[in-house]
Protein backbone atom coordinates (compact mmCIF):
# COMPACT_ATOMS: atom_id res chain seq x y z
CA MET A 1 -39.01 -30.86 53.11
CA LYS A 2 -35.96 -28.61 53.52
CA LYS A 3 -35.20 -29.90 57.01
CA TYR A 4 -34.93 -33.45 55.64
CA LEU A 5 -32.72 -32.50 52.69
CA PRO A 6 -29.35 -32.87 54.52
CA PHE A 7 -30.39 -36.35 55.68
CA ILE A 8 -31.42 -37.39 52.15
CA LEU A 9 -28.18 -36.06 50.69
CA LEU A 10 -26.17 -37.89 53.35
CA SER A 11 -28.12 -41.09 52.74
CA THR A 12 -27.49 -40.84 49.01
CA SER A 13 -23.78 -40.29 49.58
CA LEU A 14 -23.62 -43.30 51.89
CA MET A 15 -25.54 -45.43 49.39
CA ALA A 16 -23.12 -44.52 46.61
CA SER A 17 -20.13 -45.40 48.79
CA SER A 18 -21.73 -48.62 50.03
CA LEU A 19 -22.73 -49.73 46.54
CA THR A 20 -19.25 -49.10 45.17
CA GLU A 21 -17.73 -51.15 47.96
CA SER A 22 -20.29 -53.96 47.89
CA VAL A 23 -20.60 -54.57 44.13
CA LYS A 24 -17.69 -56.04 42.22
CA ARG A 25 -17.41 -56.76 38.51
CA PHE A 26 -15.08 -59.36 37.00
CA THR A 27 -14.99 -62.25 34.53
CA TRP A 28 -14.73 -66.02 34.90
CA ASP A 29 -13.35 -67.54 31.71
CA ASP A 30 -14.76 -64.67 29.63
CA GLN A 31 -18.07 -64.92 31.51
CA SER A 32 -19.33 -61.57 32.92
CA VAL A 33 -19.89 -61.76 36.70
CA THR A 34 -21.41 -59.23 39.12
CA TRP A 35 -21.07 -59.95 42.83
CA LEU A 36 -23.03 -58.12 45.51
CA ARG A 37 -21.31 -58.86 48.80
CA ASP A 38 -23.86 -59.52 51.53
CA ASP A 39 -22.62 -60.75 54.90
CA LYS A 40 -25.88 -60.29 56.80
CA PHE A 41 -26.88 -63.95 56.47
CA PRO A 42 -24.97 -67.15 55.59
CA ARG A 43 -26.93 -67.51 52.35
CA PHE A 44 -26.11 -67.18 48.68
CA SER A 45 -28.02 -66.49 45.51
CA PHE A 46 -26.76 -67.30 42.04
CA SER A 47 -28.60 -66.07 38.91
CA ILE A 48 -27.92 -66.68 35.26
CA TYR A 49 -29.35 -64.12 32.86
CA PHE A 50 -29.65 -65.69 29.41
CA GLU A 51 -29.66 -63.19 26.55
CA GLY A 52 -32.71 -64.83 25.06
CA GLY A 53 -36.24 -65.61 26.11
CA ALA A 54 -39.57 -66.27 24.44
CA LEU A 55 -38.66 -64.15 21.42
CA GLY A 56 -38.04 -66.39 18.44
CA GLU A 57 -39.14 -69.66 20.05
CA LYS A 58 -40.77 -72.17 17.70
CA ILE A 59 -43.83 -72.72 19.88
CA PRO A 60 -45.19 -69.92 22.13
CA GLY A 61 -44.71 -71.00 25.74
CA LEU A 62 -41.85 -73.40 24.97
CA THR A 63 -39.13 -71.47 26.82
CA HIS A 64 -41.35 -70.94 29.86
CA SER A 65 -42.15 -74.68 29.92
CA THR A 66 -38.49 -75.60 29.45
CA PHE A 67 -37.56 -73.90 32.71
CA ASP A 68 -40.72 -74.86 34.58
CA LEU A 69 -40.01 -78.54 33.84
CA LEU A 70 -36.26 -78.36 34.44
CA THR A 71 -36.48 -80.60 37.51
CA ALA A 72 -38.96 -83.06 36.00
CA GLY A 73 -36.19 -85.64 35.83
CA THR A 74 -32.69 -86.53 34.60
CA SER A 75 -31.09 -89.77 33.46
CA ARG A 76 -30.12 -90.39 37.09
CA GLU A 77 -33.03 -89.13 39.17
CA ASN A 78 -36.76 -88.65 38.83
CA GLN A 79 -38.77 -85.58 39.73
CA ASN A 80 -39.51 -86.67 43.30
CA GLN A 81 -35.84 -87.35 44.03
CA LEU A 82 -34.78 -83.97 42.66
CA ASN A 83 -37.45 -82.11 44.61
CA GLU A 84 -36.53 -83.97 47.80
CA PHE A 85 -32.87 -83.03 47.27
CA PHE A 86 -33.53 -79.30 47.02
CA GLU A 87 -36.05 -79.42 49.87
CA PHE A 88 -33.56 -81.25 52.12
CA TYR A 89 -31.08 -78.40 51.68
CA GLY A 90 -33.75 -75.73 52.03
CA ALA A 91 -32.77 -74.46 48.58
CA ARG A 92 -34.84 -72.81 45.93
CA LEU A 93 -34.51 -73.13 42.17
CA LYS A 94 -36.73 -70.70 40.28
CA SER A 95 -36.98 -69.15 36.85
CA ASN A 96 -38.44 -66.13 35.13
CA VAL A 97 -38.93 -65.76 31.39
CA THR A 98 -39.63 -62.60 29.42
CA HIS A 99 -39.50 -62.17 25.68
CA GLU A 100 -35.95 -60.81 25.84
CA THR A 101 -34.34 -62.68 28.73
CA SER A 102 -34.54 -65.88 30.73
CA ILE A 103 -33.41 -65.94 34.34
CA LEU A 104 -32.51 -69.03 36.33
CA THR A 105 -31.81 -68.54 40.04
CA LEU A 106 -30.48 -70.91 42.70
CA SER A 107 -30.40 -69.88 46.36
CA GLY A 108 -29.53 -71.66 49.59
CA LEU A 109 -27.19 -71.78 52.58
CA ILE A 110 -23.57 -70.93 51.82
CA LYS A 111 -22.36 -74.12 53.54
CA ASP A 112 -24.28 -76.15 50.94
CA LEU A 113 -22.85 -74.28 47.97
CA LYS A 114 -20.94 -77.22 46.49
CA PRO A 115 -23.62 -79.94 46.49
CA LEU A 116 -26.31 -77.50 45.36
CA THR A 117 -24.21 -76.17 42.50
CA GLN A 118 -23.23 -79.64 41.40
CA LYS A 119 -26.87 -80.72 41.36
CA PHE A 120 -27.80 -77.53 39.53
CA CYS A 121 -25.26 -78.29 36.79
CA GLU A 122 -26.42 -81.88 36.60
CA VAL A 123 -30.00 -80.75 36.03
CA LEU A 124 -29.00 -78.12 33.50
CA LYS A 125 -27.03 -80.66 31.46
CA GLU A 126 -29.19 -83.75 31.81
CA ALA A 127 -32.84 -82.66 32.10
CA ASN A 128 -34.73 -85.26 30.08
CA TYR A 129 -38.37 -84.06 30.30
CA PRO A 130 -40.26 -87.38 30.71
CA MET A 131 -43.46 -87.29 28.68
CA ASP A 132 -45.65 -88.32 31.62
CA LYS A 133 -44.42 -85.26 33.55
CA VAL A 134 -44.89 -83.08 30.48
CA SER A 135 -48.48 -84.28 30.16
CA SER A 136 -49.19 -83.54 33.83
CA TYR A 137 -47.66 -80.08 33.43
CA GLN A 138 -49.77 -79.39 30.34
CA ALA A 139 -52.94 -80.33 32.21
CA ARG A 140 -52.07 -78.01 35.12
CA ALA A 141 -51.06 -75.14 32.86
CA LYS A 142 -54.23 -75.45 30.79
CA SER A 143 -56.33 -75.51 33.93
CA GLN A 144 -54.68 -72.30 35.14
CA ILE A 145 -55.40 -70.55 31.87
CA LYS A 146 -59.03 -71.71 31.85
CA SER A 147 -59.45 -70.42 35.41
CA LEU A 148 -58.78 -66.87 34.18
CA VAL A 149 -62.53 -66.58 33.68
CA ASN A 150 -62.73 -66.33 37.48
CA SER A 151 -59.87 -63.84 37.76
CA HIS A 152 -60.94 -60.88 35.69
CA GLY A 153 -57.90 -58.76 36.56
CA ALA A 154 -55.48 -61.39 35.26
CA LEU A 155 -57.68 -61.93 32.21
CA ALA A 156 -57.65 -58.20 31.50
CA ASP A 157 -53.84 -58.12 31.69
CA ARG A 158 -53.61 -61.02 29.26
CA ALA A 159 -56.11 -59.53 26.82
CA TYR A 160 -54.51 -56.10 27.03
CA ARG A 161 -51.10 -57.53 26.17
CA ARG A 162 -52.48 -59.31 23.12
CA LEU A 163 -54.40 -56.28 21.86
CA SER A 164 -51.91 -53.50 22.66
CA LEU A 165 -48.98 -55.44 21.14
CA LYS A 166 -50.92 -56.86 18.21
CA GLY A 167 -48.72 -57.29 15.16
CA THR A 168 -45.44 -57.29 17.11
CA PRO A 169 -43.26 -60.27 18.09
CA TYR A 170 -44.16 -59.55 21.73
CA GLU A 171 -47.89 -60.11 21.35
CA LEU A 172 -48.29 -63.60 22.80
CA PRO A 173 -47.79 -64.19 26.53
CA VAL A 174 -44.64 -66.13 27.45
CA GLU A 175 -46.80 -68.79 29.16
CA GLY A 176 -48.34 -69.74 25.83
CA SER A 177 -52.00 -70.57 25.17
CA LEU A 178 -54.27 -73.60 25.31
CA GLU A 179 -53.45 -74.28 21.67
CA THR A 180 -49.67 -73.92 21.93
CA LEU A 181 -49.34 -75.82 25.22
CA ALA A 182 -50.81 -78.87 23.49
CA GLN A 183 -47.89 -78.80 21.00
CA ILE A 184 -45.13 -79.05 23.60
CA GLU A 185 -43.37 -82.39 23.85
CA THR A 186 -40.13 -83.93 25.15
CA LYS A 187 -38.02 -83.50 22.01
CA GLY A 188 -38.84 -79.80 21.68
CA LEU A 189 -38.08 -79.10 25.35
CA LYS A 190 -34.69 -80.80 25.16
CA GLN A 191 -33.84 -78.89 21.99
CA ARG A 192 -34.88 -75.58 23.52
CA LEU A 193 -32.67 -76.17 26.57
CA LEU A 194 -29.71 -76.84 24.29
CA GLU A 195 -30.48 -73.61 22.40
CA LEU A 196 -30.73 -71.58 25.60
CA ARG A 197 -27.35 -72.81 26.77
CA THR A 198 -25.81 -71.32 23.61
CA PHE A 199 -27.07 -67.81 24.44
CA LYS A 200 -24.77 -65.22 25.89
CA LYS A 201 -25.10 -65.02 29.65
CA ARG A 202 -24.41 -62.82 32.65
CA ILE A 203 -23.91 -64.17 36.15
CA TYR A 204 -25.14 -62.29 39.23
CA LEU A 205 -24.15 -63.40 42.73
CA SER A 206 -25.06 -62.28 46.21
CA GLY A 207 -23.71 -63.54 49.51
CA PRO A 208 -20.49 -63.63 51.55
CA LYS A 209 -17.09 -64.08 49.90
CA GLU A 210 -17.44 -67.86 49.97
CA VAL A 211 -19.91 -67.55 47.10
CA LEU A 212 -16.92 -66.92 44.82
CA GLU A 213 -16.09 -70.61 45.19
CA LEU A 214 -18.77 -71.10 42.56
CA LYS A 215 -16.05 -70.53 40.00
CA ASP A 216 -14.58 -73.92 40.88
CA TYR A 217 -17.89 -75.69 40.19
CA LEU A 218 -19.21 -73.78 37.18
CA THR A 219 -17.59 -74.81 33.94
CA SER A 220 -18.40 -74.20 30.30
CA ASP A 221 -19.63 -77.79 30.30
CA CYS A 222 -22.21 -76.75 32.91
CA LEU A 223 -23.39 -73.43 31.50
CA GLY A 224 -22.67 -74.04 27.86
CA LYS A 225 -20.80 -71.69 25.56
CA GLY A 226 -22.51 -68.36 25.14
CA GLU A 227 -22.30 -67.18 21.55
CA THR A 228 -25.89 -66.44 20.49
CA SER A 229 -27.23 -62.89 20.97
CA LEU A 230 -30.75 -61.59 21.36
CA SER A 231 -32.71 -61.46 18.12
CA GLN A 232 -32.89 -57.90 16.84
CA VAL A 233 -36.35 -56.39 16.47
CA THR A 234 -37.29 -53.00 15.10
CA LEU A 235 -40.82 -51.83 15.86
CA LYS A 236 -42.79 -49.16 14.11
CA LYS A 237 -44.67 -46.67 16.26
CA PRO A 238 -48.16 -47.79 17.28
CA GLU A 239 -50.99 -46.85 14.96
CA PRO A 240 -53.90 -44.61 16.07
CA GLN A 241 -56.68 -46.54 17.80
CA ASP A 242 -60.34 -46.00 16.92
CA VAL A 243 -62.20 -48.64 18.97
CA ILE A 244 -62.66 -49.87 22.52
CA TYR A 245 -62.15 -53.59 22.93
CA LEU A 246 -64.82 -55.11 25.15
CA VAL A 247 -63.76 -58.57 26.26
CA THR A 248 -67.00 -60.13 27.38
CA VAL A 249 -67.34 -62.31 30.46
CA PRO A 250 -70.93 -63.39 31.22
CA GLU A 251 -72.52 -61.80 34.28
CA ALA A 252 -69.43 -59.84 35.33
CA ASN A 253 -70.41 -57.42 38.09
CA GLN A 254 -67.57 -54.97 37.50
CA ALA A 255 -65.41 -53.73 34.64
CA GLN A 256 -61.65 -54.20 34.51
CA ILE A 257 -60.05 -51.31 32.62
CA ARG A 258 -56.66 -51.32 30.91
CA LEU A 259 -55.36 -48.64 28.60
CA GLY A 260 -51.98 -47.69 27.22
CA ARG A 261 -49.63 -48.57 24.39
CA TYR A 262 -46.27 -50.02 23.52
CA MET A 263 -43.26 -47.78 22.87
CA THR A 264 -40.35 -48.14 20.50
CA ARG A 265 -36.83 -48.05 21.89
CA PRO A 266 -36.05 -44.53 20.56
CA GLU A 267 -39.19 -43.20 22.26
CA PHE A 268 -37.97 -43.92 25.78
CA GLN A 269 -34.20 -44.12 25.36
CA ALA A 270 -32.42 -41.53 27.54
CA LYS A 271 -35.77 -40.60 29.14
CA GLU A 272 -36.08 -43.53 31.55
CA ASP A 273 -35.76 -41.42 34.70
CA GLU A 274 -38.24 -38.79 33.51
CA PHE A 275 -40.76 -41.47 32.59
CA SER A 276 -40.20 -43.33 35.87
CA PHE A 277 -40.92 -40.16 37.85
CA PHE A 278 -43.98 -39.46 35.71
CA ALA A 279 -45.35 -42.98 36.26
CA GLY A 280 -45.01 -42.47 40.02
CA PHE A 281 -46.74 -39.11 39.84
CA LEU A 282 -49.58 -40.54 37.74
CA GLY A 283 -50.23 -43.80 39.55
CA GLY A 284 -47.61 -44.70 42.13
CA GLY A 285 -49.38 -44.71 45.48
CA PHE A 286 -52.31 -43.32 47.43
CA THR A 287 -51.36 -39.70 46.77
CA SER A 288 -50.95 -40.25 43.01
CA LYS A 289 -53.04 -38.34 40.49
CA LEU A 290 -55.12 -41.36 39.46
CA ILE A 291 -56.05 -42.33 43.00
CA GLN A 292 -56.89 -38.79 43.99
CA GLU A 293 -59.15 -38.20 40.99
CA LEU A 294 -60.72 -41.65 40.60
CA ARG A 295 -61.02 -42.80 44.20
CA VAL A 296 -60.77 -39.88 46.62
CA LYS A 297 -62.77 -37.29 44.68
CA ARG A 298 -65.26 -39.50 42.83
CA GLY A 299 -65.33 -42.93 44.45
CA LEU A 300 -65.12 -44.69 41.08
CA THR A 301 -62.61 -47.32 42.10
CA TYR A 302 -60.64 -48.71 45.00
CA SER A 303 -57.27 -48.84 43.27
CA ALA A 304 -55.51 -47.52 40.17
CA SER A 305 -51.93 -47.72 39.01
CA ALA A 306 -49.72 -46.61 36.14
CA TYR A 307 -46.44 -47.84 34.76
CA VAL A 308 -43.89 -46.91 32.12
CA SER A 309 -41.36 -49.70 31.67
CA GLY A 310 -38.57 -50.09 29.16
CA LEU A 311 -36.79 -53.24 28.08
CA ARG A 312 -33.92 -53.56 25.66
CA GLN A 313 -35.90 -53.27 22.41
CA TYR A 314 -39.36 -52.07 23.38
CA GLY A 315 -41.31 -50.50 26.21
CA ARG A 316 -44.84 -50.46 27.58
CA ALA A 317 -46.94 -47.81 29.25
CA GLY A 318 -50.33 -48.27 30.79
CA VAL A 319 -53.01 -47.55 33.35
CA SER A 320 -54.81 -50.27 35.28
CA THR A 321 -57.99 -49.88 37.30
CA PHE A 322 -61.54 -51.21 37.68
CA SER A 323 -64.98 -49.80 38.35
CA LYS A 324 -68.62 -50.80 38.69
CA ASN A 325 -70.43 -51.50 35.43
CA GLU A 326 -72.46 -48.32 35.68
CA THR A 327 -69.39 -46.11 36.23
CA ALA A 328 -66.85 -47.71 33.87
CA THR A 329 -67.38 -45.14 31.13
CA GLU A 330 -67.05 -42.28 33.61
CA ALA A 331 -63.77 -43.74 34.90
CA ILE A 332 -62.30 -43.87 31.38
CA ASN A 333 -63.39 -40.28 30.71
CA VAL A 334 -61.78 -39.13 33.95
CA ILE A 335 -58.52 -40.80 32.93
CA ARG A 336 -58.66 -38.97 29.62
CA ASP A 337 -59.28 -35.67 31.44
CA ILE A 338 -56.26 -36.36 33.66
CA PHE A 339 -54.06 -36.81 30.59
CA ASP A 340 -55.41 -33.59 29.08
CA ASP A 341 -54.82 -31.65 32.30
CA LEU A 342 -51.27 -32.92 32.60
CA ILE A 343 -50.48 -32.06 28.99
CA ALA A 344 -51.97 -28.59 29.59
CA LYS A 345 -49.66 -28.22 32.64
CA LYS A 346 -52.56 -28.08 35.09
CA ILE A 347 -50.31 -29.30 37.87
CA LEU A 348 -50.06 -27.65 41.25
CA PRO A 349 -46.52 -26.98 42.54
CA GLU A 350 -47.41 -28.72 45.80
CA GLU A 351 -48.37 -31.87 43.85
CA LEU A 352 -44.98 -31.90 42.19
CA ASN A 353 -43.11 -31.25 45.42
CA HIS A 354 -45.05 -33.92 47.27
CA GLN A 355 -44.15 -36.52 44.64
CA LYS A 356 -40.50 -35.46 44.74
CA GLY A 357 -40.44 -35.97 48.49
CA PHE A 358 -42.21 -39.32 48.24
CA GLN A 359 -39.89 -40.75 45.59
CA LYS A 360 -36.73 -39.47 47.24
CA GLY A 361 -37.85 -40.70 50.63
CA SER A 362 -38.70 -44.19 49.39
CA HIS A 363 -35.59 -44.56 47.22
CA PRO A 364 -33.20 -45.75 49.99
CA PHE A 365 -35.44 -48.74 50.74
CA GLN A 366 -34.46 -50.21 47.37
CA PHE A 367 -31.03 -50.88 48.83
CA GLU A 368 -32.25 -52.91 51.81
CA ASP A 369 -33.00 -56.16 49.99
CA SER A 370 -29.97 -57.61 48.22
CA GLN A 371 -32.05 -59.59 45.71
CA LEU A 372 -34.09 -56.55 44.72
CA LEU A 373 -30.94 -54.47 44.40
CA LEU A 374 -29.18 -57.10 42.32
CA SER A 375 -32.17 -57.41 39.98
CA GLN A 376 -32.14 -53.64 39.47
CA ILE A 377 -28.43 -53.73 38.64
CA ALA A 378 -29.11 -56.54 36.16
CA HIS A 379 -31.87 -54.48 34.56
CA LEU A 380 -29.53 -51.51 34.15
CA ASP A 381 -27.01 -53.82 32.50
CA LEU A 382 -29.69 -55.09 30.13
CA MET A 383 -30.53 -51.52 29.18
CA GLY A 384 -26.89 -50.56 28.77
CA ARG A 385 -27.10 -48.02 31.60
CA PRO A 386 -24.41 -47.41 34.26
CA MET A 387 -24.94 -48.61 37.82
CA SER A 388 -24.53 -45.02 38.99
CA ASP A 389 -27.99 -44.24 37.59
CA LEU A 390 -29.47 -46.19 40.49
CA VAL A 391 -27.72 -44.07 43.10
CA ASP A 392 -28.12 -40.77 41.27
CA TYR A 393 -31.90 -41.03 40.92
CA PRO A 394 -32.71 -38.73 43.91
CA GLN A 395 -30.63 -35.95 42.34
CA LYS A 396 -32.46 -36.45 39.06
CA VAL A 397 -35.78 -36.20 40.91
CA ASP A 398 -34.72 -32.73 42.07
CA SER A 399 -34.53 -31.62 38.43
CA MET A 400 -38.09 -32.70 37.58
CA THR A 401 -40.41 -29.86 36.65
CA ILE A 402 -44.02 -29.29 35.64
CA ASN A 403 -42.81 -28.92 32.06
CA ILE A 404 -41.17 -32.37 32.20
CA LEU A 405 -44.36 -33.94 33.55
CA ALA A 406 -46.42 -32.28 30.82
CA ARG A 407 -44.01 -33.38 28.11
CA SER A 408 -43.98 -36.94 29.44
CA ALA A 409 -47.78 -37.07 29.42
CA TYR A 410 -47.84 -35.79 25.84
CA GLU A 411 -45.21 -38.27 24.64
CA ILE A 412 -46.47 -41.35 26.49
CA PHE A 413 -50.24 -40.99 26.55
CA PRO A 414 -51.50 -39.28 23.39
CA TRP A 415 -55.17 -40.28 23.56
CA GLU A 416 -55.50 -41.30 19.91
CA LYS A 417 -52.78 -43.96 20.34
CA GLN A 418 -54.14 -45.55 23.50
CA THR A 419 -55.40 -49.12 23.27
CA ILE A 420 -58.43 -49.36 25.56
CA VAL A 421 -59.47 -52.77 26.83
CA VAL A 422 -62.43 -53.40 29.12
CA VAL A 423 -63.21 -56.84 30.54
CA GLY A 424 -66.80 -57.15 31.68
CA ASP A 425 -70.38 -57.93 30.79
CA LYS A 426 -71.74 -57.37 27.27
CA SER A 427 -74.18 -54.81 28.68
CA LEU A 428 -71.26 -52.33 28.86
CA GLU A 429 -71.33 -51.92 25.08
CA LYS A 430 -73.94 -49.14 25.03
CA SER A 431 -72.20 -46.84 27.51
CA LEU A 432 -68.68 -47.50 26.17
CA SER A 433 -69.79 -46.66 22.62
CA LYS A 434 -70.11 -43.02 23.75
CA ILE A 435 -66.30 -42.91 23.90
CA ARG A 436 -65.38 -44.96 20.83
CA PRO A 437 -67.01 -47.64 18.69
CA VAL A 438 -66.93 -50.93 20.57
CA LYS A 439 -65.43 -54.14 19.25
CA ILE A 440 -66.70 -57.15 21.20
CA ILE A 441 -64.40 -60.14 21.69
CA PRO A 442 -65.36 -63.16 23.82
CA TYR A 443 -62.86 -63.91 26.58
CA THR A 444 -62.21 -67.38 25.16
CA GLU A 445 -60.19 -65.74 22.35
CA PHE A 446 -57.43 -65.00 24.85
CA LEU A 447 -57.05 -68.45 26.35
């Protein structure tokens, strides 16, 4: 590792210099703008981050549907005409909704910046959500949710969210449910779009300097005035858990396992880098602790991962894996043993050093893709963290110790607070009850 250290330090220094030169911050009519200059290709990307998402919506799934149906039609053009327009220019209009933010992104060739932006503004101002298109969308969305019975991993993620965040405003998935999708109609979609345009916004751009011409096309009439802030939420710490939730799917031949918990903002604030390193050590690749113990040593699974992610007002931590029905209980017990060993500092120095090398070595690749880099900068802004944290991460990795890993395991994964969700056949109840009492819930409860 020592022979690579000068190269890593040089790379980090170059990244810091390059990032400082490539990223510019300024305002357009009091609107915050971040521009990542990228001259590699004659393309641009323009993203609006709305300071509001699914949190506080009247009908769960409404915000997600509002953006999904944005090009369903305007007073001037129908859905086919709008789709043909964007396809003709090879452009892409996409959205992403979380509980705390909504993101709308337009990308295309820089030479087509003006017509694409003008059409974008037209859609944003005049989307009229024809009821026939809304009905077709509802049918497709409901079909996708019903098909979760055939995708046990996705079903487990959905059930785990509901159960681990139960009692919080973040419990329901942003896509909504079969029940809430049926309540969405034209009037509500139009109203939600008007509400979203009143939220505070940040603009993120990537592309050559010509992308700055966007300022001439984007007006307050297009984006709307941004005065509304994110609804404030204060969460209490999660309560101790005393059951295993078994979400039953008839004749499932394997068990999907999810366990973890939500975190309050004070729990992870100022510890993001420590927790990020810990998540990588626990379940961030083939050499991670989970893979080595569950797959390599025992053959209980093919894959396992861990994450610790923080948003503005809450965070989530979890482990995701699967196993055969007959070994599901063993897999959960092994995960618990891993937590206990980490808390007890049963960590070999070579394990720590290997993870340091892996994370520092992979860090520069985050700067290769401009869209990935820009999204990371946007996330830092959301969290109120400086952009320098992105560049300084390799130096912070150097300071990680066995004590930090042990403390992170103790703070994030105390066993009594872990929500355990297993998706599988009802026959799993007997073996799972050896860990905790089992509460059976049919999978239909999560659709």
